[in-house]
Amino acid sequence: RAPVRLVVQEQGAEGEQAVIDVSDTGAGVPDTQREALTQAFARGEAARGTPGTGLGLAIVARVVSRMGGTLAFDRQAGRHVVRVKLPRHT
């Protein structure tokens, strides 16, 4: 749910990671569904009846993995957060 917020920042003493947070005020992803929703064509219960193919998180998870990063779900200050951490390549 709106408003959607995007925050990009460096993390670590020398900025060795890029951290990308995308958050909204929606209900979030239940713990029991988080891993499954990173599989192709998987859709959560809240997405039923809305347009989509269930590929978004699967694509993000694969790209992040191939880049040596991590994908995580969190809840902060009443917001649902999807966090991507990527190593800095020099």
PDB file of N, CA and C in Angstrom:
ATOM      1  N   ARG A   1       0.824  -1.191   0.000  1.00  0.00           N
ATOM      2  CA  ARG A   1       0.000   0.000   0.000  1.00  0.00           C
ATOM      3  C   ARG A   1       0.863   1.247   0.000  1.00  0.00           C
ATOM      4  N   ALA A   2       0.357   2.274  -0.649  1.00  0.00           N
ATOM      5  CA  ALA A   2       1.057   3.563  -0.689  1.00  0.00           C
ATOM      6  C   ALA A   2       1.109   4.163   0.719  1.00  0.00           C
ATOM      7  N   PRO A   3       2.086   4.947   1.004  1.00  0.00           N
ATOM      8  CA  PRO A   3       3.179   5.348   0.128  1.00  0.00           C
ATOM      9  C   PRO A   3       4.297   4.310   0.125  1.00  0.00           C
ATOM     10  N   VAL A   4       4.860   4.106  -1.052  1.00  0.00           N
ATOM     11  CA  VAL A   4       6.011   3.215  -1.191  1.00  0.00           C
ATOM     12  C   VAL A   4       7.261   4.067  -1.041  1.00  0.00           C
ATOM     13  N   ARG A   5       8.233   3.548  -0.285  1.00  0.00           N
ATOM     14  CA  ARG A   5       9.469   4.289  -0.038  1.00  0.00           C
ATOM     15  C   ARG A   5      10.652   3.463  -0.531  1.00  0.00           C
ATOM     16  N   LEU A   6      11.588   4.114  -1.192  1.00  0.00           N
ATOM     17  CA  LEU A   6      12.813   3.484  -1.670  1.00  0.00           C
ATOM     18  C   LEU A   6      13.996   4.214  -1.032  1.00  0.00           C
ATOM     19  N   VAL A   7      14.863   3.445  -0.352  1.00  0.00           N
ATOM     20  CA  VAL A   7      16.046   4.019   0.277  1.00  0.00           C
ATOM     21  C   VAL A   7      17.253   3.217  -0.194  1.00  0.00           C
ATOM     22  N   VAL A   8      18.265   3.919  -0.703  1.00  0.00           N
ATOM     23  CA  VAL A   8      19.507   3.285  -1.132  1.00  0.00           C
ATOM     24  C   VAL A   8      20.623   3.918  -0.321  1.00  0.00           C
ATOM     25  N   GLN A   9      21.461   3.072   0.290  1.00  0.00           N
ATOM     26  CA  GLN A   9      22.550   3.594   1.105  1.00  0.00           C
ATOM     27  C   GLN A   9      23.735   2.645   1.108  1.00  0.00           C
ATOM     28  N   GLU A  10      24.868   3.158   1.518  1.00  0.00           N
ATOM     29  CA  GLU A  10      26.056   2.335   1.703  1.00  0.00           C
ATOM     30  C   GLU A  10      26.064   1.842   3.138  1.00  0.00           C
ATOM     31  N   GLN A  11      26.656   0.681   3.347  1.00  0.00           N
ATOM     32  CA  GLN A  11      26.747   0.122   4.688  1.00  0.00           C
ATOM     33  C   GLN A  11      28.153  -0.412   4.904  1.00  0.00           C
ATOM     34  N   GLY A  12      28.609  -0.355   6.118  1.00  0.00           N
ATOM     35  CA  GLY A  12      29.945  -0.822   6.448  1.00  0.00           C
ATOM     36  C   GLY A  12      30.893   0.354   6.607  1.00  0.00           C
ATOM     37  N   ALA A  13      32.000   0.104   7.271  1.00  0.00           N
ATOM     38  CA  ALA A  13      32.965   1.161   7.569  1.00  0.00           C
ATOM     39  C   ALA A  13      33.463   1.864   6.313  1.00  0.00           C
ATOM     40  N   GLU A  14      33.624   1.123   5.246  1.00  0.00           N
ATOM     41  CA  GLU A  14      34.116   1.708   3.999  1.00  0.00           C
ATOM     42  C   GLU A  14      33.117   1.560   2.862  1.00  0.00           C
ATOM     43  N   GLY A  15      31.861   1.446   3.208  1.00  0.00           N
ATOM     44  CA  GLY A  15      30.821   1.339   2.191  1.00  0.00           C
ATOM     45  C   GLY A  15      30.921   0.094   1.353  1.00  0.00           C
ATOM     46  N   GLU A  16      31.277  -1.026   1.994  1.00  0.00           N
ATOM     47  CA  GLU A  16      31.485  -2.248   1.225  1.00  0.00           C
ATOM     48  C   GLU A  16      30.196  -2.932   0.767  1.00  0.00           C
ATOM     49  N   GLN A  17      29.047  -2.421   1.196  1.00  0.00           N
ATOM     50  CA  GLN A  17      27.780  -2.974   0.728  1.00  0.00           C
ATOM     51  C   GLN A  17      26.836  -1.854   0.315  1.00  0.00           C
ATOM     52  N   ALA A  18      26.040  -2.134  -0.696  1.00  0.00           N
ATOM     53  CA  ALA A  18      24.924  -1.266  -1.045  1.00  0.00           C
ATOM     54  C   ALA A  18      23.674  -1.915  -0.457  1.00  0.00           C
ATOM     55  N   VAL A  19      22.852  -1.118   0.197  1.00  0.00           N
ATOM     56  CA  VAL A  19      21.624  -1.620   0.796  1.00  0.00           C
ATOM     57  C   VAL A  19      20.454  -0.888   0.150  1.00  0.00           C
ATOM     58  N   ILE A  20      19.519  -1.664  -0.383  1.00  0.00           N
ATOM     59  CA  ILE A  20      18.338  -1.115  -1.037  1.00  0.00           C
ATOM     60  C   ILE A  20      17.114  -1.590  -0.255  1.00  0.00           C
ATOM     61  N   ASP A  21      16.369  -0.657   0.314  1.00  0.00           N
ATOM     62  CA  ASP A  21      15.140  -0.976   1.038  1.00  0.00           C
ATOM     63  C   ASP A  21      13.949  -0.447   0.258  1.00  0.00           C
ATOM     64  N   VAL A  22      12.991  -1.318   0.012  1.00  0.00           N
ATOM     65  CA  VAL A  22      11.719  -0.917  -0.579  1.00  0.00           C
ATOM     66  C   VAL A  22      10.667  -1.241   0.469  1.00  0.00           C
ATOM     67  N   SER A  23       9.901  -0.231   0.879  1.00  0.00           N
ATOM     68  CA  SER A  23       8.923  -0.468   1.940  1.00  0.00           C
ATOM     69  C   SER A  23       7.578   0.155   1.591  1.00  0.00           C
ATOM     70  N   ASP A  24       6.549  -0.403   2.216  1.00  0.00           N
ATOM     71  CA  ASP A  24       5.208   0.138   2.076  1.00  0.00           C
ATOM     72  C   ASP A  24       4.456  -0.097   3.378  1.00  0.00           C
ATOM     73  N   THR A  25       3.218   0.320   3.412  1.00  0.00           N
ATOM     74  CA  THR A  25       2.432   0.193   4.636  1.00  0.00           C
ATOM     75  C   THR A  25       1.493  -1.009   4.599  1.00  0.00           C
ATOM     76  N   GLY A  26       1.742  -1.926   3.668  1.00  0.00           N
ATOM     77  CA  GLY A  26       0.916  -3.128   3.560  1.00  0.00           C
ATOM     78  C   GLY A  26       1.146  -4.083   4.716  1.00  0.00           C
ATOM     79  N   ALA A  27       0.418  -5.173   4.687  1.00  0.00           N
ATOM     80  CA  ALA A  27       0.477  -6.164   5.762  1.00  0.00           C
ATOM     81  C   ALA A  27       1.788  -6.931   5.789  1.00  0.00           C
ATOM     82  N   GLY A  28       2.495  -6.939   4.674  1.00  0.00           N
ATOM     83  CA  GLY A  28       3.767  -7.658   4.633  1.00  0.00           C
ATOM     84  C   GLY A  28       3.587  -9.107   4.232  1.00  0.00           C
ATOM     85  N   VAL A  29       4.691  -9.819   4.216  1.00  0.00           N
ATOM     86  CA  VAL A  29       4.705 -11.219   3.810  1.00  0.00           C
ATOM     87  C   VAL A  29       4.819 -12.078   5.060  1.00  0.00           C
ATOM     88  N   PRO A  30       3.863 -12.982   5.284  1.00  0.00           N
ATOM     89  CA  PRO A  30       3.963 -13.854   6.453  1.00  0.00           C
ATOM     90  C   PRO A  30       5.253 -14.676   6.425  1.00  0.00           C
ATOM     91  N   ASP A  31       5.824 -14.901   7.591  1.00  0.00           N
ATOM     92  CA  ASP A  31       7.069 -15.672   7.704  1.00  0.00           C
ATOM     93  C   ASP A  31       6.994 -17.000   6.957  1.00  0.00           C
ATOM     94  N   THR A  32       5.850 -17.649   7.017  1.00  0.00           N
ATOM     95  CA  THR A  32       5.701 -18.971   6.413  1.00  0.00           C
ATOM     96  C   THR A  32       5.689 -18.937   4.891  1.00  0.00           C
ATOM     97  N   GLN A  33       5.495 -17.757   4.276  1.00  0.00           N
ATOM     98  CA  GLN A  33       5.424 -17.648   2.820  1.00  0.00           C
ATOM     99  C   GLN A  33       6.654 -17.006   2.188  1.00  0.00           C
ATOM    100  N   ARG A  34       7.561 -16.481   2.987  1.00  0.00           N
ATOM    101  CA  ARG A  34       8.672 -15.691   2.457  1.00  0.00           C
ATOM    102  C   ARG A  34       9.531 -16.460   1.460  1.00  0.00           C
ATOM    103  N   GLU A  35       9.974 -17.632   1.812  1.00  0.00           N
ATOM    104  CA  GLU A  35      10.833 -18.394   0.903  1.00  0.00           C
ATOM    105  C   GLU A  35      10.073 -18.813  -0.352  1.00  0.00           C
ATOM    106  N   ALA A  36       8.847 -19.229  -0.187  1.00  0.00           N
ATOM    107  CA  ALA A  36       8.053 -19.683  -1.330  1.00  0.00           C
ATOM    108  C   ALA A  36       7.825 -18.558  -2.338  1.00  0.00           C
ATOM    109  N   LEU A  37       7.694 -17.326  -1.879  1.00  0.00           N
ATOM    110  CA  LEU A  37       7.401 -16.216  -2.782  1.00  0.00           C
ATOM    111  C   LEU A  37       8.594 -15.793  -3.624  1.00  0.00           C
ATOM    112  N   THR A  38       9.757 -16.361  -3.353  1.00  0.00           N
ATOM    113  CA  THR A  38      10.911 -16.077  -4.207  1.00  0.00           C
ATOM    114  C   THR A  38      11.045 -17.126  -5.305  1.00  0.00           C
ATOM    115  N   GLN A  39      10.067 -18.027  -5.405  1.00  0.00           N
ATOM    116  CA  GLN A  39      10.041 -19.024  -6.469  1.00  0.00           C
ATOM    117  C   GLN A  39       9.161 -18.507  -7.609  1.00  0.00           C
ATOM    118  N   ALA A  40       9.531 -18.834  -8.826  1.00  0.00           N
ATOM    119  CA  ALA A  40       8.795 -18.363 -10.002  1.00  0.00           C
ATOM    120  C   ALA A  40       7.327 -18.777  -9.946  1.00  0.00           C
ATOM    121  N   PHE A  41       6.467 -17.848 -10.288  1.00  0.00           N
ATOM    122  CA  PHE A  41       5.013 -18.008 -10.397  1.00  0.00           C
ATOM    123  C   PHE A  41       4.295 -18.171  -9.066  1.00  0.00           C
ATOM    124  N   ALA A  42       5.004 -18.005  -7.960  1.00  0.00           N
ATOM    125  CA  ALA A  42       4.358 -18.079  -6.642  1.00  0.00           C
ATOM    126  C   ALA A  42       3.716 -16.730  -6.335  1.00  0.00           C
ATOM    127  N   ARG A  43       2.514 -16.778  -5.768  1.00  0.00           N
ATOM    128  CA  ARG A  43       1.821 -15.555  -5.379  1.00  0.00           C
ATOM    129  C   ARG A  43       1.256 -15.751  -3.990  1.00  0.00           C
ATOM    130  N   GLY A  44       1.339 -14.721  -3.188  1.00  0.00           N
ATOM    131  CA  GLY A  44       0.796 -14.777  -1.835  1.00  0.00           C
ATOM    132  C   GLY A  44      -0.714 -14.660  -1.832  1.00  0.00           C
ATOM    133  N   GLU A  45      -1.298 -15.004  -0.710  1.00  0.00           N
ATOM    134  CA  GLU A  45      -2.757 -14.948  -0.586  1.00  0.00           C
ATOM    135  C   GLU A  45      -3.279 -13.531  -0.828  1.00  0.00           C
ATOM    136  N   ALA A  46      -2.554 -12.524  -0.351  1.00  0.00           N
ATOM    137  CA  ALA A  46      -3.009 -11.138  -0.502  1.00  0.00           C
ATOM    138  C   ALA A  46      -3.010 -10.693  -1.964  1.00  0.00           C
ATOM    139  N   ALA A  47      -2.243 -11.358  -2.819  1.00  0.00           N
ATOM    140  CA  ALA A  47      -2.152 -10.966  -4.231  1.00  0.00           C
ATOM    141  C   ALA A  47      -3.208 -11.640  -5.092  1.00  0.00           C
ATOM    142  N   ARG A  48      -3.923 -12.583  -4.546  1.00  0.00           N
ATOM    143  CA  ARG A  48      -4.950 -13.262  -5.339  1.00  0.00           C
ATOM    144  C   ARG A  48      -5.986 -12.258  -5.814  1.00  0.00           C
ATOM    145  N   GLY A  49      -6.335 -12.339  -7.082  1.00  0.00           N
ATOM    146  CA  GLY A  49      -7.345 -11.451  -7.639  1.00  0.00           C
ATOM    147  C   GLY A  49      -6.788 -10.136  -8.157  1.00  0.00           C
ATOM    148  N   THR A  50      -5.484  -9.930  -8.032  1.00  0.00           N
ATOM    149  CA  THR A  50      -4.864  -8.722  -8.586  1.00  0.00           C
ATOM    150  C   THR A  50      -3.956  -9.133  -9.739  1.00  0.00           C
ATOM    151  N   PRO A  51      -3.730  -8.237 -10.687  1.00  0.00           N
ATOM    152  CA  PRO A  51      -2.876  -8.578 -11.824  1.00  0.00           C
ATOM    153  C   PRO A  51      -1.452  -8.919 -11.383  1.00  0.00           C
ATOM    154  N   GLY A  52      -0.836  -9.830 -12.104  1.00  0.00           N
ATOM    155  CA  GLY A  52       0.545 -10.201 -11.829  1.00  0.00           C
ATOM    156  C   GLY A  52       0.789 -11.654 -12.178  1.00  0.00           C
ATOM    157  N   THR A  53       2.059 -11.997 -12.312  1.00  0.00           N
ATOM    158  CA  THR A  53       2.409 -13.366 -12.688  1.00  0.00           C
ATOM    159  C   THR A  53       3.157 -14.119 -11.602  1.00  0.00           C
ATOM    160  N   GLY A  54       3.601 -13.410 -10.554  1.00  0.00           N
ATOM    161  CA  GLY A  54       4.368 -14.074  -9.518  1.00  0.00           C
ATOM    162  C   GLY A  54       5.834 -14.227  -9.885  1.00  0.00           C
ATOM    163  N   LEU A  55       6.330 -13.361 -10.752  1.00  0.00           N
ATOM    164  CA  LEU A  55       7.735 -13.448 -11.152  1.00  0.00           C
ATOM    165  C   LEU A  55       8.624 -12.393 -10.510  1.00  0.00           C
ATOM    166  N   GLY A  56       8.070 -11.319  -9.998  1.00  0.00           N
ATOM    167  CA  GLY A  56       8.852 -10.197  -9.495  1.00  0.00           C
ATOM    168  C   GLY A  56       9.905 -10.574  -8.467  1.00  0.00           C
ATOM    169  N   LEU A  57       9.495 -11.152  -7.349  1.00  0.00           N
ATOM    170  CA  LEU A  57      10.455 -11.518  -6.306  1.00  0.00           C
ATOM    171  C   LEU A  57      11.386 -12.634  -6.752  1.00  0.00           C
ATOM    172  N   ALA A  58      10.908 -13.524  -7.600  1.00  0.00           N
ATOM    173  CA  ALA A  58      11.772 -14.599  -8.106  1.00  0.00           C
ATOM    174  C   ALA A  58      12.912 -14.022  -8.933  1.00  0.00           C
ATOM    175  N   ILE A  59      12.603 -13.059  -9.777  1.00  0.00           N
ATOM    176  CA  ILE A  59      13.636 -12.422 -10.587  1.00  0.00           C
ATOM    177  C   ILE A  59      14.617 -11.666  -9.692  1.00  0.00           C
ATOM    178  N   VAL A  60      14.092 -10.884  -8.757  1.00  0.00           N
ATOM    179  CA  VAL A  60      14.959 -10.142  -7.839  1.00  0.00           C
ATOM    180  C   VAL A  60      15.855 -11.099  -7.070  1.00  0.00           C
ATOM    181  N   ALA A  61      15.304 -12.183  -6.539  1.00  0.00           N
ATOM    182  CA  ALA A  61      16.097 -13.137  -5.750  1.00  0.00           C
ATOM    183  C   ALA A  61      17.228 -13.737  -6.575  1.00  0.00           C
ATOM    184  N   ARG A  62      16.963 -14.074  -7.829  1.00  0.00           N
ATOM    185  CA  ARG A  62      18.011 -14.665  -8.678  1.00  0.00           C
ATOM    186  C   ARG A  62      19.104 -13.663  -9.024  1.00  0.00           C
ATOM    187  N   VAL A  63      18.708 -12.455  -9.365  1.00  0.00           N
ATOM    188  CA  VAL A  63      19.696 -11.425  -9.700  1.00  0.00           C
ATOM    189  C   VAL A  63      20.566 -11.123  -8.487  1.00  0.00           C
ATOM    190  N   VAL A  64      19.941 -10.945  -7.338  1.00  0.00           N
ATOM    191  CA  VAL A  64      20.682 -10.646  -6.107  1.00  0.00           C
ATOM    192  C   VAL A  64      21.637 -11.787  -5.773  1.00  0.00           C
ATOM    193  N   SER A  65      21.178 -13.018  -5.882  1.00  0.00           N
ATOM    194  CA  SER A  65      22.028 -14.178  -5.592  1.00  0.00           C
ATOM    195  C   SER A  65      23.228 -14.229  -6.531  1.00  0.00           C
ATOM    196  N   ARG A  66      22.997 -14.013  -7.800  1.00  0.00           N
ATOM    197  CA  ARG A  66      24.097 -14.053  -8.779  1.00  0.00           C
ATOM    198  C   ARG A  66      25.103 -12.927  -8.566  1.00  0.00           C
ATOM    199  N   MET A  67      24.657 -11.858  -7.935  1.00  0.00           N
ATOM    200  CA  MET A  67      25.561 -10.745  -7.646  1.00  0.00           C
ATOM    201  C   MET A  67      26.237 -10.895  -6.280  1.00  0.00           C
ATOM    202  N   GLY A  68      25.980 -12.015  -5.600  1.00  0.00           N
ATOM    203  CA  GLY A  68      26.605 -12.268  -4.304  1.00  0.00           C
ATOM    204  C   GLY A  68      25.932 -11.562  -3.149  1.00  0.00           C
ATOM    205  N   GLY A  69      24.682 -11.173  -3.316  1.00  0.00           N
ATOM    206  CA  GLY A  69      23.971 -10.437  -2.279  1.00  0.00           C
ATOM    207  C   GLY A  69      22.936 -11.268  -1.555  1.00  0.00           C
ATOM    208  N   THR A  70      22.130 -10.584  -0.750  1.00  0.00           N
ATOM    209  CA  THR A  70      21.072 -11.238   0.009  1.00  0.00           C
ATOM    210  C   THR A  70      19.759 -10.478  -0.164  1.00  0.00           C
ATOM    211  N   LEU A  71      18.674 -11.192  -0.006  1.00  0.00           N
ATOM    212  CA  LEU A  71      17.326 -10.638  -0.048  1.00  0.00           C
ATOM    213  C   LEU A  71      16.658 -11.019   1.259  1.00  0.00           C
ATOM    214  N   ALA A  72      16.072 -10.048   1.947  1.00  0.00           N
ATOM    215  CA  ALA A  72      15.431 -10.329   3.229  1.00  0.00           C
ATOM    216  C   ALA A  72      14.150  -9.515   3.363  1.00  0.00           C
ATOM    217  N   PHE A  73      13.264 -10.007   4.216  1.00  0.00           N
ATOM    218  CA  PHE A  73      12.009  -9.333   4.521  1.00  0.00           C
ATOM    219  C   PHE A  73      12.060  -8.889   5.967  1.00  0.00           C
ATOM    220  N   ASP A  74      11.457  -7.727   6.249  1.00  0.00           N
ATOM    221  CA  ASP A  74      11.495  -7.201   7.608  1.00  0.00           C
ATOM    222  C   ASP A  74      10.251  -6.355   7.839  1.00  0.00           C
ATOM    223  N   ARG A  75      10.064  -5.954   9.058  1.00  0.00           N
ATOM    224  CA  ARG A  75       8.984  -5.029   9.424  1.00  0.00           C
ATOM    225  C   ARG A  75       9.619  -3.976  10.321  1.00  0.00           C
ATOM    226  N   GLN A  76       9.500  -2.709   9.938  1.00  0.00           N
ATOM    227  CA  GLN A  76      10.098  -1.619  10.706  1.00  0.00           C
ATOM    228  C   GLN A  76       9.139  -0.445  10.776  1.00  0.00           C
ATOM    229  N   ALA A  77       8.913   0.036  11.970  1.00  0.00           N
ATOM    230  CA  ALA A  77       8.079   1.225  12.187  1.00  0.00           C
ATOM    231  C   ALA A  77       6.749   1.136  11.442  1.00  0.00           C
ATOM    232  N   GLY A  78       6.105  -0.030  11.501  1.00  0.00           N
ATOM    233  CA  GLY A  78       4.810  -0.209  10.862  1.00  0.00           C
ATOM    234  C   GLY A  78       4.855  -0.364   9.356  1.00  0.00           C
ATOM    235  N   ARG A  79       6.047  -0.544   8.806  1.00  0.00           N
ATOM    236  CA  ARG A  79       6.197  -0.690   7.361  1.00  0.00           C
ATOM    237  C   ARG A  79       6.761  -2.062   7.038  1.00  0.00           C
ATOM    238  N   HIS A  80       6.286  -2.629   5.933  1.00  0.00           N
ATOM    239  CA  HIS A  80       6.816  -3.892   5.406  1.00  0.00           C
ATOM    240  C   HIS A  80       8.015  -3.526   4.545  1.00  0.00           C
ATOM    241  N   VAL A  81       9.159  -4.183   4.785  1.00  0.00           N
ATOM    242  CA  VAL A  81      10.404  -3.840   4.093  1.00  0.00           C
ATOM    243  C   VAL A  81      10.965  -5.058   3.372  1.00  0.00           C
ATOM    244  N   VAL A  82      11.332  -4.872   2.116  1.00  0.00           N
ATOM    245  CA  VAL A  82      12.118  -5.862   1.383  1.00  0.00           C
ATOM    246  C   VAL A  82      13.500  -5.235   1.248  1.00  0.00           C
ATOM    247  N   ARG A  83      14.519  -5.940   1.758  1.00  0.00           N
ATOM    248  CA  ARG A  83      15.888  -5.396   1.785  1.00  0.00           C
ATOM    249  C   ARG A  83      16.813  -6.236   0.919  1.00  0.00           C
ATOM    250  N   VAL A  84      17.534  -5.551   0.049  1.00  0.00           N
ATOM    251  CA  VAL A  84      18.558  -6.183  -0.783  1.00  0.00           C
ATOM    252  C   VAL A  84      19.906  -5.630  -0.345  1.00  0.00           C
ATOM    253  N   LYS A  85      20.863  -6.532  -0.083  1.00  0.00           N
ATOM    254  CA  LYS A  85      22.230  -6.136   0.220  1.00  0.00           C
ATOM    255  C   LYS A  85      23.131  -6.687  -0.868  1.00  0.00           C
ATOM    256  N   LEU A  86      23.926  -5.811  -1.451  1.00  0.00           N
ATOM    257  CA  LEU A  86      24.842  -6.213  -2.523  1.00  0.00           C
ATOM    258  C   LEU A  86      26.264  -5.804  -2.164  1.00  0.00           C
ATOM    259  N   PRO A  87      27.235  -6.691  -2.425  1.00  0.00           N
ATOM    260  CA  PRO A  87      28.608  -6.313  -2.155  1.00  0.00           C
ATOM    261  C   PRO A  87      29.082  -5.263  -3.152  1.00  0.00           C
ATOM    262  N   ARG A  88      29.946  -4.413  -2.684  1.00  0.00           N
ATOM    263  CA  ARG A  88      30.518  -3.393  -3.563  1.00  0.00           C
ATOM    264  C   ARG A  88      31.644  -4.040  -4.369  1.00  0.00           C
ATOM    265  N   HIS A  89      31.576  -3.896  -5.662  1.00  0.00           N
ATOM    266  CA  HIS A  89      32.619  -4.425  -6.539  1.00  0.00           C
ATOM    267  C   HIS A  89      33.482  -3.262  -7.016  1.00  0.00           C
ATOM    268  N   THR A  90      34.786  -3.401  -6.858  1.00  0.00           N
ATOM    269  CA  THR A  90      35.676  -2.315  -7.289  1.00  0.00           C
ATOM    270  C   THR A  90      36.565  -2.775  -8.417  1.00  0.00           C
TER     271      THR A  90
END
